[in-house]
Amino acid sequence: MKNIWAIIGGVLAAVIGVFALIKWIHAIWIIIQGGIVIFLIAGGIISVAIGISNLKEKLAEKKEEEKEKK
């Protein structure tokens, strides 16, 4: 009996979700666009941080090689 109620509830939620999607499609697109902007900014910041870290690591390796040569 619990399975039937779960199925009915799932179908009802899906139907309401489709109607809400149709009614609020503009608002959903705004949220998606905002999310894309935030992910792009975060990805850029992470990429810059990784690049700086790699640059520092290479500089440290060069200094270490120069010390070994002397």
C-alpha atoms as a PDB file:
ATOM      1  CA  MET A   1       0.000   0.000   0.000  1.00  0.00           C
ATOM      2  CA  LYS A   2       2.911   2.371   0.739  1.00  0.00           C
ATOM      3  CA  ASN A   3       4.304   1.782  -2.747  1.00  0.00           C
ATOM      4  CA  ILE A   4       1.064   2.930  -4.367  1.00  0.00           C
ATOM      5  CA  TRP A   5       1.097   6.176  -2.392  1.00  0.00           C
ATOM      6  CA  ALA A   6       4.738   6.719  -3.352  1.00  0.00           C
ATOM      7  CA  ILE A   7       3.870   6.258  -7.036  1.00  0.00           C
ATOM      8  CA  ILE A   8       0.844   8.558  -6.814  1.00  0.00           C
ATOM      9  CA  GLY A   9       2.891  11.186  -4.982  1.00  0.00           C
ATOM     10  CA  GLY A  10       5.692  10.936  -7.550  1.00  0.00           C
ATOM     11  CA  VAL A  11       3.323  11.304 -10.499  1.00  0.00           C
ATOM     12  CA  LEU A  12       1.589  14.243  -8.815  1.00  0.00           C
ATOM     13  CA  ALA A  13       4.914  15.961  -8.097  1.00  0.00           C
ATOM     14  CA  ALA A  14       6.048  15.437 -11.704  1.00  0.00           C
ATOM     15  CA  VAL A  15       2.817  16.897 -13.108  1.00  0.00           C
ATOM     16  CA  ILE A  16       2.989  19.924 -10.812  1.00  0.00           C
ATOM     17  CA  GLY A  17       6.658  20.335 -11.741  1.00  0.00           C
ATOM     18  CA  VAL A  18       5.852  20.388 -15.469  1.00  0.00           C
ATOM     19  CA  PHE A  19       3.132  22.996 -14.969  1.00  0.00           C
ATOM     20  CA  ALA A  20       5.463  25.099 -12.809  1.00  0.00           C
ATOM     21  CA  LEU A  21       8.208  24.802 -15.428  1.00  0.00           C
ATOM     22  CA  ILE A  22       5.849  26.079 -18.118  1.00  0.00           C
ATOM     23  CA  LYS A  23       4.584  28.936 -15.971  1.00  0.00           C
ATOM     24  CA  TRP A  24       7.950  30.060 -14.576  1.00  0.00           C
ATOM     25  CA  ILE A  25      10.290  29.280 -17.495  1.00  0.00           C
ATOM     26  CA  HIS A  26      11.545  32.884 -17.604  1.00  0.00           C
ATOM     27  CA  ALA A  27      12.478  32.848 -13.919  1.00  0.00           C
ATOM     28  CA  ILE A  28      14.186  29.480 -14.315  1.00  0.00           C
ATOM     29  CA  TRP A  29      16.306  30.823 -17.196  1.00  0.00           C
ATOM     30  CA  ILE A  30      17.364  33.771 -15.053  1.00  0.00           C
ATOM     31  CA  ILE A  31      18.483  31.401 -12.294  1.00  0.00           C
ATOM     32  CA  ILE A  32      20.390  29.235 -14.784  1.00  0.00           C
ATOM     33  CA  GLN A  33      22.090  32.290 -16.287  1.00  0.00           C
ATOM     34  CA  GLY A  34      23.103  33.510 -12.846  1.00  0.00           C
ATOM     35  CA  GLY A  35      24.497  30.096 -12.005  1.00  0.00           C
ATOM     36  CA  ILE A  36      26.561  30.041 -15.186  1.00  0.00           C
ATOM     37  CA  VAL A  37      28.051  33.432 -14.325  1.00  0.00           C
ATOM     38  CA  ILE A  38      28.952  32.305 -10.816  1.00  0.00           C
ATOM     39  CA  PHE A  39      30.541  29.070 -12.097  1.00  0.00           C
ATOM     40  CA  LEU A  40      32.570  30.996 -14.692  1.00  0.00           C
ATOM     41  CA  ILE A  41      33.867  33.443 -12.091  1.00  0.00           C
ATOM     42  CA  ALA A  42      34.722  30.651  -9.645  1.00  0.00           C
ATOM     43  CA  GLY A  43      36.407  28.615 -12.390  1.00  0.00           C
ATOM     44  CA  GLY A  44      38.466  31.621 -13.446  1.00  0.00           C
ATOM     45  CA  ILE A  45      39.609  32.312  -9.905  1.00  0.00           C
ATOM     46  CA  ILE A  46      40.563  28.655  -9.409  1.00  0.00           C
ATOM     47  CA  SER A  47      42.460  28.601 -12.720  1.00  0.00           C
ATOM     48  CA  VAL A  48      44.417  31.718 -11.809  1.00  0.00           C
ATOM     49  CA  ALA A  49      45.255  30.273  -8.375  1.00  0.00           C
ATOM     50  CA  ILE A  50      46.480  27.010  -9.947  1.00  0.00           C
ATOM     51  CA  GLY A  51      48.548  28.920 -12.499  1.00  0.00           C
ATOM     52  CA  ILE A  52      50.214  31.037  -9.816  1.00  0.00           C
ATOM     53  CA  SER A  53      50.897  27.940  -7.732  1.00  0.00           C
ATOM     54  CA  ASN A  54      52.502  26.154 -10.696  1.00  0.00           C
ATOM     55  CA  LEU A  55      54.593  29.227 -11.502  1.00  0.00           C
ATOM     56  CA  LYS A  56      55.853  29.457  -7.918  1.00  0.00           C
ATOM     57  CA  GLU A  57      56.668  25.741  -7.973  1.00  0.00           C
ATOM     58  CA  LYS A  58      58.698  26.063 -11.191  1.00  0.00           C
ATOM     59  CA  LEU A  59      60.590  29.051  -9.815  1.00  0.00           C
ATOM     60  CA  ALA A  60      61.381  27.093  -6.657  1.00  0.00           C
ATOM     61  CA  GLU A  61      62.635  24.164  -8.775  1.00  0.00           C
ATOM     62  CA  LYS A  62      64.909  26.474 -10.790  1.00  0.00           C
ATOM     63  CA  LYS A  63      66.355  27.940  -7.584  1.00  0.00           C
ATOM     64  CA  GLU A  64      66.948  24.432  -6.269  1.00  0.00           C
ATOM     65  CA  GLU A  65      68.713  23.417  -9.510  1.00  0.00           C
ATOM     66  CA  GLU A  66      70.924  26.511  -9.332  1.00  0.00           C
ATOM     67  CA  LYS A  67      71.894  25.647  -5.750  1.00  0.00           C
ATOM     68  CA  GLU A  68      72.796  22.088  -6.795  1.00  0.00           C
ATOM     69  CA  LYS A  69      74.960  23.347  -9.668  1.00  0.00           C
ATOM     70  CA  LYS A  70      76.995  25.544  -7.309  1.00  0.00           C
END
